[in-house]
Protein backbone atom coordinates (compact mmCIF):
# COMPACT_ATOMS: atom_id res chain seq x y z
CA MET A 1 95.47 45.33 148.80
CA ILE A 2 94.27 48.56 147.17
CA ARG A 3 94.67 50.68 150.33
CA PRO A 4 98.45 50.01 150.75
CA LEU A 5 99.01 50.85 147.08
CA ARG A 6 97.06 54.10 147.44
CA GLN A 7 99.05 55.02 150.55
CA ARG A 8 102.37 54.31 148.78
CA HIS A 9 101.22 56.33 145.76
CA HIS A 10 100.21 59.22 148.04
CA VAL A 11 103.67 59.24 149.69
CA MET A 12 105.44 59.12 146.29
CA VAL A 13 103.40 61.99 144.85
CA CYS A 14 103.95 64.13 147.96
CA THR A 15 107.69 63.40 147.85
CA LEU A 16 107.90 64.30 144.16
CA GLY A 17 105.87 67.45 144.83
CA VAL A 18 108.62 68.59 147.19
CA LEU A 19 111.71 67.22 145.42
CA LEU A 20 110.98 68.35 141.85
CA PRO A 21 110.74 72.10 142.61
CA VAL A 22 113.89 71.84 144.75
CA ALA A 23 115.74 70.01 141.95
CA PHE A 24 114.52 72.58 139.40
CA ALA A 25 115.69 75.50 141.55
CA ALA A 26 119.07 73.81 142.12
CA GLY A 27 119.46 73.26 138.37
CA ILE A 28 118.68 76.90 137.61
CA ALA A 29 121.13 78.08 140.28
CA ALA A 30 123.90 75.76 139.07
CA ARG A 31 123.81 76.62 135.37
CA LYS A 32 126.63 78.62 133.84
CA PRO A 33 126.09 82.22 132.78
CA VAL A 34 125.41 83.02 129.13
CA PRO A 35 128.66 84.05 127.40
CA VAL A 36 128.72 87.58 126.10
CA ALA A 37 130.70 88.44 122.99
CA ALA A 38 133.32 91.12 123.38
CA PRO A 39 132.65 94.29 121.41
CA VAL A 40 134.29 94.55 118.00
CA PRO A 41 137.51 96.60 118.10
CA SER A 42 137.13 100.01 116.48
CA GLY A 43 139.71 99.13 113.81
CA LEU A 44 137.56 96.26 112.58
CA ALA A 45 134.23 98.05 112.95
CA ASP A 46 135.21 100.49 110.19
CA ARG A 47 135.81 97.62 107.77
CA VAL A 48 132.25 96.29 107.77
CA ASN A 49 131.20 95.67 104.17
CA ASP A 50 128.27 97.75 103.04
CA PHE A 51 126.78 96.03 100.03
CA GLY A 52 124.48 98.96 99.41
CA ARG A 53 125.01 99.51 95.68
CA VAL A 54 122.69 97.31 93.64
CA VAL A 55 124.23 96.42 90.27
CA TRP A 56 121.10 94.70 88.95
CA THR A 57 117.95 92.94 90.09
CA LYS A 58 116.31 90.21 88.03
CA MET A 59 113.06 88.38 88.59
CA ASP A 60 113.35 86.10 85.55
CA LEU A 61 116.78 84.56 86.18
CA TRP A 62 115.35 81.26 87.46
CA PRO A 63 113.12 79.46 84.92
CA GLY A 64 110.00 78.08 86.59
CA GLN A 65 110.89 79.52 90.02
CA ARG A 66 109.76 82.64 91.86
CA ILE A 67 113.18 83.83 93.03
CA ILE A 68 114.29 87.45 92.93
CA THR A 69 118.04 87.78 92.44
CA SER A 70 120.03 90.96 93.11
CA LEU A 71 123.72 91.52 92.50
CA ARG A 72 125.32 93.97 94.94
CA ARG A 73 128.75 95.58 95.10
CA ASP A 74 130.53 97.27 98.01
CA ALA A 75 133.17 100.00 98.13
CA ALA A 76 136.02 97.43 98.03
CA ASN A 77 134.54 96.04 94.77
CA SER A 78 133.44 92.77 96.39
CA VAL A 79 130.34 91.22 94.85
CA GLU A 80 127.54 89.35 96.55
CA VAL A 81 124.30 87.77 95.42
CA GLU A 82 121.07 88.37 97.29
CA LEU A 83 118.35 85.74 96.81
CA MET A 84 114.74 86.30 97.88
CA PHE A 85 112.72 83.10 97.83
CA ARG A 86 108.95 83.08 97.66
CA ASP A 87 107.84 79.47 97.33
CA LEU A 88 110.93 77.37 97.99
CA ALA A 89 109.90 74.45 100.20
CA LYS A 90 112.97 72.23 100.12
CA PRO A 91 115.10 71.26 103.13
CA ASP A 92 118.78 72.21 103.56
CA VAL A 93 119.21 74.18 100.33
CA LEU A 94 122.79 75.09 99.42
CA VAL A 95 123.76 77.64 96.76
CA TYR A 96 126.58 76.88 94.31
CA TRP A 97 128.31 78.91 91.59
CA ALA A 98 129.05 76.93 88.43
CA ALA A 99 131.16 78.43 85.66
CA GLY A 100 130.00 77.94 82.08
CA LYS A 101 126.74 78.20 80.16
CA GLU A 102 125.47 74.62 80.47
CA THR A 103 122.05 74.58 82.13
CA ALA A 104 120.94 70.97 81.61
CA VAL A 105 122.16 69.61 84.93
CA GLU A 106 121.18 66.23 86.37
CA GLY A 107 123.40 66.45 89.44
CA LEU A 108 125.80 68.99 90.81
CA PRO A 109 128.33 70.09 88.15
CA ASP A 110 131.98 69.12 88.72
CA ASN A 111 133.09 72.75 88.66
CA ALA A 112 130.46 73.94 91.17
CA ARG A 113 131.76 76.02 94.08
CA LEU A 114 129.82 76.25 97.32
CA LEU A 115 128.71 79.79 98.19
CA GLY A 116 126.83 78.81 101.33
CA ALA A 117 123.46 77.94 102.75
CA SER A 118 120.44 79.63 101.24
CA SER A 119 120.67 82.82 103.24
CA ASN A 120 119.95 86.15 101.65
CA HIS A 121 123.52 87.40 101.12
CA LEU A 122 126.17 85.20 99.50
CA PRO A 123 129.59 86.49 98.42
CA LEU A 124 130.66 85.50 94.91
CA PRO A 125 134.21 84.23 94.35
CA THR A 126 136.60 86.88 93.07
CA ASP A 127 137.63 84.77 90.08
CA ALA A 128 133.98 84.63 88.94
CA ARG A 129 134.12 88.22 87.74
CA GLY A 130 134.11 88.56 83.97
CA GLU A 131 133.18 84.90 83.68
CA THR A 132 129.90 83.40 82.48
CA GLY A 133 128.28 81.23 85.10
CA ARG A 134 125.08 80.27 86.82
CA LEU A 135 123.75 79.68 90.29
CA VAL A 136 122.63 76.20 91.32
CA LEU A 137 120.30 75.44 94.24
CA TYR A 138 120.95 71.98 95.66
CA SER A 139 118.92 70.26 98.37
CA LEU A 140 121.35 68.47 100.65
CA ALA A 141 118.59 66.48 102.34
CA ASP A 142 117.05 65.24 99.08
CA HIS A 143 120.37 65.01 97.16
CA GLU A 144 118.88 66.74 94.14
CA VAL A 145 119.24 69.94 92.16
CA VAL A 146 116.30 72.20 93.02
CA ALA A 147 116.85 74.92 90.42
CA VAL A 148 119.46 76.24 88.00
CA SER A 149 119.59 79.90 87.02
CA ARG A 150 120.15 81.21 83.54
CA ALA A 151 123.78 81.96 82.69
CA PHE A 152 124.97 85.50 83.44
CA ILE A 153 128.22 87.43 83.55
CA VAL A 154 129.46 89.25 86.65
CA GLN A 155 131.00 92.47 85.32
CA LYS A 156 134.54 93.27 86.48
CA ASP A 157 134.18 97.03 87.15
């Protein structure tokens, strides 16, 4: 009884030893090529925003958090916020702009506007200039406010 099972197992392993490399090679040969993005037209390449001018950098904008915040401005007078996180260990953090000075927030304020995921560079809305507001970090996975910045004013310039 054991010998026929061993013989069948030997045939199956030998067959798989031949078929699997053939199937792998066929799969590699049949896959589609990686799409390549077309180069940016020269008319658009000149319009790349260079947010090189730092308006201010603050390390104490977030109470109880180690977040460095920089406000940058480009030649077209667009404003963006740059956040550098040190010890933020929350999943799926989104950044919101909330107008007003209120900082005691249980949930997301009604007037909060999504700026984007917690990447380094986030453009501020144009109507936020000259207005007092604050940044709110919200964990989408935990459904909770992670941190709220102190209120600040984005100068119009």
